[in-house]
Amino acid sequence: MMKKRIRSFVALGLLSLVGWTLLATELRAGNDPAPIAAAESAPEPFFQAAQLRPLVELLTSPELAGREFGTPGGQKAGDYIAEHLERVGIEPGVLKKLPEATVWSFFQPFVDRRRQCRNIIGVLRGNDPALANEFVLLCAHYDHVGEIEGTSQYYPGANDNASGVAGLLEIAAALGQRRELLRRSILFAFWDAEEQGLDGSRFFGNNLNALLAGLMGQEPSLEEEPTTEEDSSSGKIVFSLNLDMIGTLTENQLEVIGYRSGDGVRQLLSRCNTAAGLKLAFDHKMWTNSDHYSIYRKRIPSILLTTGMIGPYHTPEDTADCLNYEGMERILDFVFRTAKELARCDSEALPQYRLNEWNLGKLNAADESEAEKAKVLEQGESVSGQPAGPDLIDFETETITELKREPGSGTGIQFREDEAEPDVLIISDTGGDAEAVRRGLLPGVRVYSIDARKPTREKWKAIRPGSPVELEIESDGKVRKIAY
């Protein structure tokens, strides 16, 4: 991950060599209910440290020498990732039109500072003909910062971002075993050159139309064209989840960046967190120092999941021994359930990108800055690792409506509403209600339902002492029901 002026990188995907014995189930044709029922009744996969650690050790091995972009070590890492994806039944996601033939490949090549780089792209096809042209993007950067000049040492990059790559490879295998349940398609992307300023994901975003056209069976041109307006006939990415530095879970807390980029994202994530039971730290700010930002700039709801810059960062001490693999297990359970829900839910339940005058102005400014950077990159010059645009886009400055207690209401609690969280009441003040405090109804707690129905001010006003109701509430990403 890039830290302000220090470049970041989204971890690269791990490979095969590590004893993954899962075989990809064959995609069944039609809508046969038998495999769907079997998949739904099967227990969810259990992610294990014993499978994660070998992948991290391989990615951080001396053979890969820190996985710097455009180096033999970086190329080997990309080869390992592609081999692993193929082994677990993920299809290549890049359709290339060569002079002699049109072929499928896992590699999306690009040139960065006169070096040959590659994003690794795979796809798991959805089963619903009406939704299969919608893609959920799961991504992580696999490059790191390479060797220490003039020495025999290198930067292993275990947390940054072998943790994200290993995790995403495990997620790919697990979803491959549940493919019968997926209505939408899932794209797996492992970015190169993230440490140079998100260059791999930026290239992906700028050439998105051509890639989607290929995925929809439309021949791409030899010359890639920049993305302009969305062409629905070529498919679209509906949501993006970025894993960057997920190996140092502390006090069970996972940071969630960008949840306000789509409406209803917080509630969806919280409901998918029930089994993992993580403490989700929802940040109002949109960080620009990891690859989710490149996708967000394409007007797609995008979030970053990270355990933060805890432990060695961009040092030779960022080794496989430093990671919390048990914590990674819980994070991957959460990501798996979230990805599955995004690929299965009805269109009405899918978070929609929040475009308004406020964030459009921010993004237009970022686009202008991006255009200037692109000119420099074309000339092969070195540029700052800081991505285009402001360091932080702070959604917290948006107007939030306060719902003051009205005369005659049954409780002293006050709420606010937030357009990023539709159909949710957010407690802003307990009004001295001791019973509310005792039951955990504190400022910041979300009310998701009242007696299993959508919460409204009118329903809350109707609550009276001695007439208990069932509330579904959420705090720190944990949803529970209480009587009040």
Protein backbone atom coordinates (compact mmCIF):
# COMPACT_ATOMS: atom_id res chain seq x y z
CA MET A 1 0.00 0.00 0.00
CA MET A 2 1.26 3.45 -0.82
CA LYS A 3 1.69 5.60 2.25
CA LYS A 4 1.28 9.24 1.29
CA ARG A 5 4.54 9.78 -0.61
CA ILE A 6 5.66 6.19 -0.31
CA ARG A 7 4.44 3.89 -2.98
CA SER A 8 2.20 1.05 -2.22
CA PHE A 9 1.46 -2.14 -3.93
CA VAL A 10 -1.35 -4.56 -3.87
CA ALA A 11 -0.08 -7.98 -3.21
CA LEU A 12 0.39 -10.50 -5.83
CA GLY A 13 -1.27 -13.62 -6.21
CA LEU A 14 0.15 -16.79 -5.18
CA LEU A 15 0.72 -19.80 -6.92
CA SER A 16 0.12 -23.21 -7.30
CA LEU A 17 3.18 -25.01 -6.10
CA VAL A 18 1.75 -25.26 -2.69
CA GLY A 19 -0.22 -28.35 -2.45
CA TRP A 20 -3.63 -26.96 -3.32
CA THR A 21 -5.51 -30.14 -4.05
CA LEU A 22 -8.85 -28.53 -4.79
CA LEU A 23 -10.11 -29.40 -8.24
CA ALA A 24 -12.39 -26.95 -9.97
CA THR A 25 -15.87 -28.30 -10.44
CA GLU A 26 -17.10 -28.31 -13.99
CA LEU A 27 -19.49 -25.50 -14.80
CA ARG A 28 -22.85 -27.08 -15.37
CA ALA A 29 -25.04 -25.96 -18.18
CA GLY A 30 -28.54 -24.70 -17.72
CA ASN A 31 -30.40 -24.12 -14.48
CA ASP A 32 -30.40 -27.65 -13.09
CA PRO A 33 -31.54 -27.22 -9.46
CA ALA A 34 -29.64 -30.26 -8.21
CA PRO A 35 -26.12 -28.76 -8.20
CA ILE A 36 -27.46 -25.49 -6.81
CA ALA A 37 -29.18 -27.25 -3.92
CA ALA A 38 -26.04 -29.28 -3.24
CA ALA A 39 -23.85 -26.17 -3.22
CA GLU A 40 -26.24 -24.28 -0.96
CA SER A 41 -26.32 -27.11 1.57
CA ALA A 42 -22.55 -27.64 1.56
CA PRO A 43 -20.63 -26.11 4.48
CA GLU A 44 -18.75 -22.92 3.73
CA PRO A 45 -15.01 -23.38 3.09
CA PHE A 46 -12.74 -23.13 6.09
CA PHE A 47 -9.67 -21.06 5.32
CA GLN A 48 -6.61 -22.39 7.10
CA ALA A 49 -3.28 -20.94 8.09
CA ALA A 50 -1.67 -24.17 6.91
CA GLN A 51 -2.70 -23.30 3.35
CA LEU A 52 -2.02 -19.56 3.53
CA ARG A 53 1.47 -19.59 4.95
CA PRO A 54 3.11 -21.67 2.17
CA LEU A 55 1.71 -19.26 -0.39
CA VAL A 56 3.13 -16.27 1.48
CA GLU A 57 6.48 -18.02 1.87
CA LEU A 58 6.62 -18.67 -1.86
CA LEU A 59 5.80 -15.06 -2.72
CA THR A 60 8.43 -13.78 -0.30
CA SER A 61 11.13 -16.27 -1.33
CA PRO A 62 14.62 -15.19 -2.48
CA GLU A 63 13.74 -16.54 -5.93
CA LEU A 64 11.25 -13.69 -6.40
CA ALA A 65 13.63 -11.10 -4.90
CA GLY A 66 10.96 -8.69 -3.70
CA ARG A 67 8.71 -8.88 -6.80
CA GLU A 68 9.69 -5.50 -8.20
CA PHE A 69 7.79 -4.48 -11.31
CA GLY A 70 9.42 -5.36 -14.61
CA THR A 71 12.07 -7.66 -13.07
CA PRO A 72 12.59 -11.44 -13.39
CA GLY A 73 11.30 -11.87 -9.82
CA GLY A 74 8.14 -9.93 -10.63
CA GLN A 75 7.63 -11.95 -13.81
CA LYS A 76 8.00 -15.22 -11.92
CA ALA A 77 5.44 -14.08 -9.37
CA GLY A 78 2.99 -13.32 -12.18
CA ASP A 79 3.59 -16.75 -13.71
CA TYR A 80 2.92 -18.44 -10.35
CA ILE A 81 -0.34 -16.57 -9.91
CA ALA A 82 -1.60 -17.43 -13.39
CA GLU A 83 -0.65 -21.09 -12.88
CA HIS A 84 -2.51 -21.20 -9.58
CA LEU A 85 -5.66 -19.64 -11.06
CA GLU A 86 -5.67 -22.15 -13.89
CA ARG A 87 -5.17 -25.02 -11.43
CA VAL A 88 -8.28 -24.09 -9.42
CA GLY A 89 -10.47 -23.69 -12.48
CA ILE A 90 -10.40 -19.93 -13.09
CA GLU A 91 -10.50 -19.00 -16.78
CA PRO A 92 -8.17 -16.48 -18.44
CA GLY A 93 -9.78 -13.04 -18.57
CA VAL A 94 -7.91 -11.25 -21.36
CA LEU A 95 -8.86 -11.80 -25.01
CA LYS A 96 -5.94 -10.86 -27.25
CA LYS A 97 -6.21 -10.27 -30.95
CA LEU A 98 -2.90 -11.28 -32.50
CA PRO A 99 -2.10 -11.00 -36.20
CA GLU A 100 -2.38 -14.77 -36.61
CA ALA A 101 -5.12 -15.61 -34.09
CA THR A 102 -7.32 -14.48 -31.19
CA VAL A 103 -6.29 -16.12 -27.93
CA TRP A 104 -7.21 -16.05 -24.25
CA SER A 105 -4.57 -15.13 -21.69
CA PHE A 106 -4.23 -14.40 -17.98
CA PHE A 107 -1.81 -11.56 -18.79
CA GLN A 108 -2.68 -7.94 -19.50
CA PRO A 109 0.66 -6.45 -20.57
CA PHE A 110 1.68 -2.81 -20.33
CA VAL A 111 4.86 -0.76 -20.32
CA ASP A 112 5.78 1.31 -17.29
CA ARG A 113 8.99 3.38 -17.25
CA ARG A 114 10.26 1.33 -20.18
CA ARG A 115 9.72 -1.92 -18.27
CA GLN A 116 7.48 -4.76 -19.38
CA CYS A 117 4.72 -5.29 -16.77
CA ARG A 118 1.66 -7.52 -16.51
CA ASN A 119 -1.62 -7.48 -14.66
CA ILE A 120 -3.00 -10.98 -14.08
CA ILE A 121 -6.72 -11.29 -14.90
CA GLY A 122 -8.97 -14.31 -14.41
CA VAL A 123 -12.73 -14.80 -14.58
CA LEU A 124 -15.34 -17.08 -13.02
CA ARG A 125 -18.46 -16.96 -15.16
CA GLY A 126 -21.88 -16.36 -13.63
CA ASN A 127 -24.82 -18.63 -14.34
CA ASP A 128 -27.71 -16.17 -14.73
CA PRO A 129 -28.02 -15.11 -18.39
CA ALA A 130 -29.53 -11.80 -17.29
CA LEU A 131 -26.68 -10.98 -14.88
CA ALA A 132 -23.61 -12.81 -16.19
CA ASN A 133 -22.45 -9.66 -17.99
CA GLU A 134 -22.13 -7.94 -14.59
CA PHE A 135 -18.78 -8.48 -12.88
CA VAL A 136 -17.71 -8.31 -9.24
CA LEU A 137 -14.03 -7.35 -9.17
CA LEU A 138 -11.80 -8.88 -6.47
CA CYS A 139 -8.26 -7.55 -6.59
CA ALA A 140 -4.87 -7.26 -4.91
CA HIS A 141 -1.47 -5.99 -6.07
CA TYR A 142 1.34 -8.51 -6.30
CA ASP A 143 4.38 -6.30 -6.87
CA HIS A 144 6.69 -5.04 -4.15
CA VAL A 145 9.85 -2.91 -4.06
CA GLY A 146 12.47 -5.47 -4.95
CA GLU A 147 16.09 -5.62 -3.85
CA ILE A 148 18.16 -3.26 -1.73
CA GLU A 149 20.56 -1.63 -4.12
CA GLY A 150 24.18 -2.61 -3.65
CA THR A 151 23.42 -5.50 -1.29
CA SER A 152 22.25 -9.09 -1.39
CA GLN A 153 19.14 -8.19 0.63
CA TYR A 154 15.61 -7.73 -0.68
CA TYR A 155 12.23 -6.55 0.58
CA PRO A 156 10.06 -9.68 1.06
CA GLY A 157 6.73 -7.81 1.23
CA ALA A 158 4.85 -10.44 3.25
CA ASN A 159 2.15 -8.11 4.50
CA ASP A 160 2.53 -5.77 1.55
CA ASN A 161 1.09 -7.52 -0.25
CA ALA A 162 1.77 -11.24 -0.29
CA SER A 163 -0.98 -11.39 2.34
CA GLY A 164 -3.58 -9.99 -0.05
CA VAL A 165 -2.42 -12.13 -2.97
CA ALA A 166 -2.39 -15.38 -1.01
CA GLY A 167 -5.81 -14.56 0.40
CA LEU A 168 -7.28 -13.78 -3.01
CA LEU A 169 -5.93 -17.02 -4.46
CA GLU A 170 -7.64 -18.94 -1.69
CA ILE A 171 -10.86 -17.00 -2.31
CA ALA A 172 -10.67 -17.86 -6.02
CA ALA A 173 -10.39 -21.57 -5.24
CA ALA A 174 -13.27 -21.43 -2.73
CA LEU A 175 -15.60 -19.56 -5.11
CA GLY A 176 -14.68 -21.99 -7.86
CA GLN A 177 -16.12 -24.75 -5.72
CA ARG A 178 -19.37 -22.77 -5.30
CA ARG A 179 -19.70 -21.59 -8.88
CA GLU A 180 -23.22 -23.02 -9.20
CA LEU A 181 -24.41 -20.33 -6.77
CA LEU A 182 -23.02 -17.37 -8.70
CA ARG A 183 -25.42 -15.37 -10.82
CA ARG A 184 -22.96 -12.62 -11.69
CA SER A 185 -19.43 -13.20 -12.94
CA ILE A 186 -16.35 -12.58 -10.80
CA LEU A 187 -13.15 -11.00 -12.06
CA PHE A 188 -9.91 -11.69 -10.21
CA ALA A 189 -7.21 -9.08 -10.81
CA PHE A 190 -3.64 -9.04 -9.51
CA TRP A 191 -2.02 -5.68 -10.20
CA ASP A 192 1.56 -5.01 -11.21
CA ALA A 193 3.40 -1.69 -10.64
CA GLU A 194 1.18 -0.60 -7.77
CA GLU A 195 4.24 0.64 -5.93
CA GLN A 196 4.90 3.05 -8.78
CA GLY A 197 1.66 4.91 -8.16
CA LEU A 198 -1.17 2.43 -8.83
CA ASP A 199 0.00 2.13 -12.43
CA GLY A 200 -1.29 -1.40 -13.07
CA SER A 201 -4.81 -0.74 -11.86
CA ARG A 202 -4.79 2.62 -13.62
CA PHE A 203 -3.93 0.89 -16.90
CA PHE A 204 -6.74 -1.59 -16.29
CA GLY A 205 -9.21 1.24 -15.68
CA ASN A 206 -8.13 3.20 -18.73
CA ASN A 207 -8.58 0.13 -20.95
CA LEU A 208 -11.66 -1.28 -19.28
CA ASN A 209 -14.00 -1.19 -22.26
CA ALA A 210 -11.69 -3.32 -24.40
CA LEU A 211 -11.27 -5.92 -21.66
CA LEU A 212 -15.01 -6.14 -20.98
CA ALA A 213 -15.73 -6.40 -24.70
CA GLY A 214 -13.41 -9.39 -24.88
CA LEU A 215 -15.09 -11.02 -21.90
CA MET A 216 -18.42 -10.64 -23.66
CA GLY A 217 -17.10 -12.37 -26.77
CA GLN A 218 -16.51 -9.23 -28.81
CA GLU A 219 -13.14 -9.12 -30.53
CA PRO A 220 -10.87 -6.40 -29.16
CA SER A 221 -8.94 -4.18 -31.52
CA LEU A 222 -5.17 -4.46 -31.82
CA GLU A 223 -4.89 -0.97 -30.39
CA GLU A 224 -6.39 -0.59 -26.91
CA GLU A 225 -8.70 2.37 -26.56
CA PRO A 226 -9.21 4.47 -23.44
CA THR A 227 -12.46 3.96 -21.60
CA THR A 228 -15.04 6.67 -22.29
CA GLU A 229 -18.73 6.22 -21.66
CA GLU A 230 -19.89 2.86 -20.35
CA ASP A 231 -21.11 0.49 -23.02
CA SER A 232 -23.65 -1.80 -21.35
CA SER A 233 -23.49 -4.27 -24.25
CA SER A 234 -19.89 -5.01 -23.26
CA GLY A 235 -20.70 -5.76 -19.66
CA LYS A 236 -19.81 -3.74 -16.59
CA ILE A 237 -18.11 -4.00 -13.23
CA VAL A 238 -20.70 -3.44 -10.51
CA PHE A 239 -18.52 -3.56 -7.39
CA SER A 240 -14.84 -3.76 -6.45
CA LEU A 241 -13.17 -5.25 -3.36
CA ASN A 242 -9.44 -4.57 -2.91
CA LEU A 243 -7.25 -6.53 -0.48
CA ASP A 244 -4.08 -4.69 0.51
CA MET A 245 -2.07 -5.62 3.61
CA ILE A 246 -4.46 -7.94 5.45
CA GLY A 247 -1.89 -9.87 7.47
CA THR A 248 -1.70 -8.00 10.78
CA LEU A 249 -5.18 -8.25 12.30
CA THR A 250 -5.00 -6.65 15.75
CA GLU A 251 -7.81 -6.67 18.33
CA ASN A 252 -9.97 -8.26 15.63
CA GLN A 253 -10.24 -4.93 13.74
CA LEU A 254 -10.40 -4.69 9.95
CA GLU A 255 -10.40 -1.26 8.32
CA VAL A 256 -13.03 -0.64 5.65
CA ILE A 257 -12.19 2.27 3.35
CA GLY A 258 -14.64 3.71 0.81
CA TYR A 259 -17.90 2.30 2.13
CA ARG A 260 -19.67 5.55 1.20
CA SER A 261 -18.80 5.07 -2.49
CA GLY A 262 -22.04 3.11 -2.90
CA ASP A 263 -25.40 3.32 -1.18
CA GLY A 264 -26.08 0.57 1.32
CA VAL A 265 -22.52 -0.79 1.33
CA ARG A 266 -22.16 -0.68 5.11
CA GLN A 267 -25.29 -2.75 5.74
CA LEU A 268 -24.34 -5.34 3.12
CA LEU A 269 -20.84 -5.76 4.56
CA SER A 270 -22.12 -5.95 8.13
CA ARG A 271 -24.61 -8.69 7.28
CA CYS A 272 -21.84 -10.68 5.58
CA ASN A 273 -19.69 -10.34 8.71
CA THR A 274 -21.98 -12.38 10.99
CA ALA A 275 -19.92 -15.59 10.89
CA ALA A 276 -16.46 -13.96 10.98
CA GLY A 277 -17.43 -11.53 13.75
CA LEU A 278 -14.76 -8.97 12.84
CA LYS A 279 -14.77 -5.47 14.25
CA LEU A 280 -15.24 -3.44 11.07
CA ALA A 281 -13.74 0.03 11.35
CA PHE A 282 -15.71 2.01 8.73
CA ASP A 283 -13.72 5.04 7.61
CA HIS A 284 -15.60 7.98 6.10
CA LYS A 285 -12.58 8.91 4.01
CA MET A 286 -11.71 7.58 0.57
CA TRP A 287 -7.98 6.83 0.64
CA THR A 288 -6.15 7.26 -2.66
CA ASN A 289 -3.06 5.20 -1.85
CA SER A 290 -4.23 1.76 -3.00
CA ASP A 291 -5.79 0.28 -6.11
CA HIS A 292 -9.43 0.59 -5.09
CA TYR A 293 -9.05 4.28 -5.96
CA SER A 294 -8.25 3.54 -9.62
CA ILE A 295 -11.51 1.62 -9.85
CA TYR A 296 -13.50 4.20 -7.88
CA ARG A 297 -12.38 6.80 -10.42
CA LYS A 298 -14.23 4.79 -13.07
CA ARG A 299 -17.49 5.48 -11.17
CA ILE A 300 -17.69 2.02 -9.57
CA PRO A 301 -18.44 1.38 -5.86
CA SER A 302 -15.04 0.37 -4.49
CA ILE A 303 -13.73 -0.49 -1.06
CA LEU A 304 -10.34 -1.29 0.43
CA LEU A 305 -9.97 -3.89 3.17
CA THR A 306 -6.78 -3.60 5.21
CA THR A 307 -5.40 -4.28 8.65
CA GLY A 308 -3.35 -1.10 8.31
CA MET A 309 0.33 -0.29 8.42
CA ILE A 310 1.05 -2.34 11.51
CA GLY A 311 4.44 -4.01 11.83
CA PRO A 312 7.36 -3.76 9.38
CA TYR A 313 6.52 -1.68 6.33
CA HIS A 314 8.80 -1.46 3.30
CA THR A 315 11.63 -3.04 5.24
CA PRO A 316 13.51 -6.37 4.94
CA GLU A 317 11.75 -7.42 8.15
CA ASP A 318 8.34 -7.76 6.45
CA THR A 319 8.63 -11.55 6.36
CA ALA A 320 6.21 -14.48 6.44
CA ASP A 321 6.89 -14.95 10.17
CA CYS A 322 5.31 -11.57 10.96
CA LEU A 323 1.78 -12.32 9.79
CA ASN A 324 -1.29 -13.22 11.82
CA TYR A 325 -2.56 -16.18 9.80
CA GLU A 326 -5.45 -16.92 12.15
CA GLY A 327 -6.62 -13.35 11.64
CA MET A 328 -6.33 -13.80 7.89
CA GLU A 329 -8.61 -16.85 8.15
CA ARG A 330 -11.40 -14.68 9.61
CA ILE A 331 -10.86 -11.94 7.05
CA LEU A 332 -11.08 -14.40 4.17
CA ASP A 333 -14.29 -15.90 5.54
CA PHE A 334 -15.76 -12.39 5.52
CA VAL A 335 -14.49 -11.62 2.00
CA PHE A 336 -15.77 -14.94 0.65
CA ARG A 337 -19.26 -14.37 2.02
CA THR A 338 -19.30 -10.79 0.76
CA ALA A 339 -18.19 -11.75 -2.74
CA LYS A 340 -20.74 -14.56 -2.87
CA GLU A 341 -23.53 -12.20 -1.79
CA LEU A 342 -22.53 -9.59 -4.37
CA ALA A 343 -22.56 -12.27 -7.07
CA ARG A 344 -25.95 -13.68 -5.99
CA CYS A 345 -28.12 -10.78 -4.83
CA ASP A 346 -30.98 -9.26 -6.79
CA SER A 347 -30.23 -6.07 -8.67
CA GLU A 348 -32.30 -4.04 -6.19
CA ALA A 349 -29.99 -5.11 -3.34
CA LEU A 350 -26.77 -4.28 -5.19
CA PRO A 351 -25.11 -1.03 -3.97
CA GLN A 352 -25.20 1.71 -6.57
CA TYR A 353 -22.41 4.20 -7.16
CA ARG A 354 -23.05 7.50 -5.39
CA LEU A 355 -22.43 10.23 -7.92
CA ASN A 356 -23.33 13.75 -6.89
CA GLU A 357 -22.00 17.26 -7.44
CA TRP A 358 -19.76 17.00 -4.40
CA ASN A 359 -17.72 13.93 -5.37
CA LEU A 360 -17.98 14.63 -9.11
CA GLY A 361 -16.00 17.85 -8.57
CA LYS A 362 -13.33 15.92 -6.68
CA LEU A 363 -13.09 13.26 -9.38
CA ASN A 364 -12.95 15.77 -12.24
CA ALA A 365 -10.00 17.43 -10.52
CA ALA A 366 -8.35 14.02 -10.17
CA ASP A 367 -8.96 13.30 -13.87
CA GLU A 368 -7.15 16.50 -14.86
CA SER A 369 -4.20 15.58 -12.66
CA GLU A 370 -4.25 12.06 -14.09
CA ALA A 371 -4.04 13.37 -17.65
CA GLU A 372 -0.88 15.28 -16.76
CA LYS A 373 0.67 12.18 -15.18
CA ALA A 374 -0.19 10.06 -18.22
CA LYS A 375 1.86 12.40 -20.42
CA VAL A 376 4.88 11.89 -18.20
CA LEU A 377 4.48 8.11 -18.16
CA GLU A 378 4.32 8.01 -21.96
CA GLN A 379 7.77 9.59 -22.04
CA GLY A 380 9.13 6.91 -19.69
CA GLU A 381 10.07 9.39 -17.00
CA SER A 382 10.12 8.67 -13.29
CA VAL A 383 7.30 10.29 -11.37
CA SER A 384 6.26 10.50 -7.74
CA GLY A 385 4.62 7.42 -6.26
CA GLN A 386 1.76 9.60 -5.04
CA PRO A 387 -1.39 8.80 -7.04
CA ALA A 388 -3.29 11.50 -8.88
CA GLY A 389 -5.90 13.37 -6.90
CA PRO A 390 -6.16 14.44 -3.27
CA ASP A 391 -4.64 12.23 -0.56
CA LEU A 392 -8.05 11.75 0.99
CA ILE A 393 -11.53 12.35 -0.31
CA ASP A 394 -13.45 13.09 2.86
CA PHE A 395 -17.09 12.12 2.50
CA GLU A 396 -17.71 13.26 6.06
CA THR A 397 -18.19 16.84 4.87
CA GLU A 398 -21.46 15.89 3.17
CA THR A 399 -24.67 17.11 4.73
CA ILE A 400 -26.25 14.62 7.12
CA THR A 401 -29.82 15.19 8.24
CA GLU A 402 -30.51 15.19 11.97
CA LEU A 403 -33.86 13.74 13.01
CA LYS A 404 -34.73 15.52 16.23
CA ARG A 405 -37.08 13.96 18.74
CA GLU A 406 -40.61 15.13 18.12
CA PRO A 407 -43.17 15.94 20.84
CA GLY A 408 -45.09 12.87 21.94
CA SER A 409 -42.50 10.29 20.82
CA GLY A 410 -42.07 7.37 23.15
CA THR A 411 -38.31 7.63 23.75
CA GLY A 412 -35.68 10.30 24.18
CA ILE A 413 -33.43 8.89 21.46
CA GLN A 414 -32.50 11.11 18.52
CA PHE A 415 -31.45 9.92 15.10
CA ARG A 416 -29.76 11.10 11.97
CA GLU A 417 -30.14 9.84 8.42
CA ASP A 418 -27.40 9.48 5.84
CA GLU A 419 -27.99 9.15 2.10
CA ALA A 420 -25.13 6.63 1.92
CA GLU A 421 -27.15 4.34 4.21
CA PRO A 422 -30.72 4.28 2.90
CA ASP A 423 -33.48 2.89 5.12
CA VAL A 424 -31.29 3.11 8.23
CA LEU A 425 -31.73 5.17 11.40
CA ILE A 426 -28.44 6.21 13.03
CA ILE A 427 -28.55 7.05 16.73
CA SER A 428 -27.05 10.47 17.40
CA ASP A 429 -28.14 11.02 21.02
CA THR A 430 -29.66 8.78 23.68
CA GLY A 431 -31.52 11.69 25.27
CA GLY A 432 -30.80 10.36 28.74
CA ASP A 433 -32.60 7.09 28.08
CA ALA A 434 -30.89 4.76 30.58
CA GLU A 435 -32.66 1.68 29.27
CA ALA A 436 -31.43 2.42 25.76
CA VAL A 437 -27.85 2.73 27.00
CA ARG A 438 -28.17 -0.51 28.96
CA ARG A 439 -29.24 -2.34 25.82
CA GLY A 440 -26.42 -0.92 23.73
CA LEU A 441 -28.34 1.79 21.87
CA LEU A 442 -25.47 4.26 21.87
CA PRO A 443 -24.57 7.10 19.48
CA GLY A 444 -23.37 5.69 16.16
CA VAL A 445 -25.41 2.48 16.42
CA ARG A 446 -27.49 1.73 13.31
CA VAL A 447 -31.08 0.51 13.47
CA TYR A 448 -31.72 -1.81 10.51
CA SER A 449 -35.25 -2.93 11.35
CA ILE A 450 -38.11 -2.49 13.84
CA ASP A 451 -40.14 -5.67 14.26
CA ALA A 452 -38.56 -7.02 11.06
CA ARG A 453 -39.71 -3.99 9.05
CA LYS A 454 -37.90 -1.03 7.57
CA PRO A 455 -37.19 1.52 10.34
CA THR A 456 -38.89 4.90 9.98
CA ARG A 457 -39.42 7.87 12.27
CA GLU A 458 -43.11 7.04 12.45
CA LYS A 459 -42.44 3.49 13.63
CA TRP A 460 -39.99 4.75 16.25
CA LYS A 461 -42.44 7.38 17.51
CA ALA A 462 -44.99 4.62 18.01
CA ILE A 463 -42.77 2.76 20.50
CA ARG A 464 -44.15 3.01 24.04
CA PRO A 465 -42.83 1.83 27.39
CA GLY A 466 -44.28 -1.57 28.27
CA SER A 467 -44.79 -2.50 24.62
CA PRO A 468 -41.42 -4.03 23.61
CA VAL A 469 -40.33 -4.28 20.00
CA GLU A 470 -37.56 -6.26 18.35
CA LEU A 471 -34.78 -4.11 16.95
CA GLU A 472 -32.09 -5.24 14.56
CA ILE A 473 -29.06 -3.07 15.24
CA GLU A 474 -25.48 -2.81 14.03
CA SER A 475 -22.34 -1.51 15.69
CA ASP A 476 -18.76 -1.93 14.38
CA GLY A 477 -20.03 -4.18 11.62
CA LYS A 478 -21.76 -6.62 13.96
CA VAL A 479 -25.50 -7.14 13.52
CA ARG A 480 -27.66 -8.40 16.38
CA LYS A 481 -31.28 -8.37 17.56
CA ILE A 482 -32.48 -6.95 20.87
CA ALA A 483 -35.80 -6.44 22.60
CA TYR A 484 -36.51 -2.81 23.49
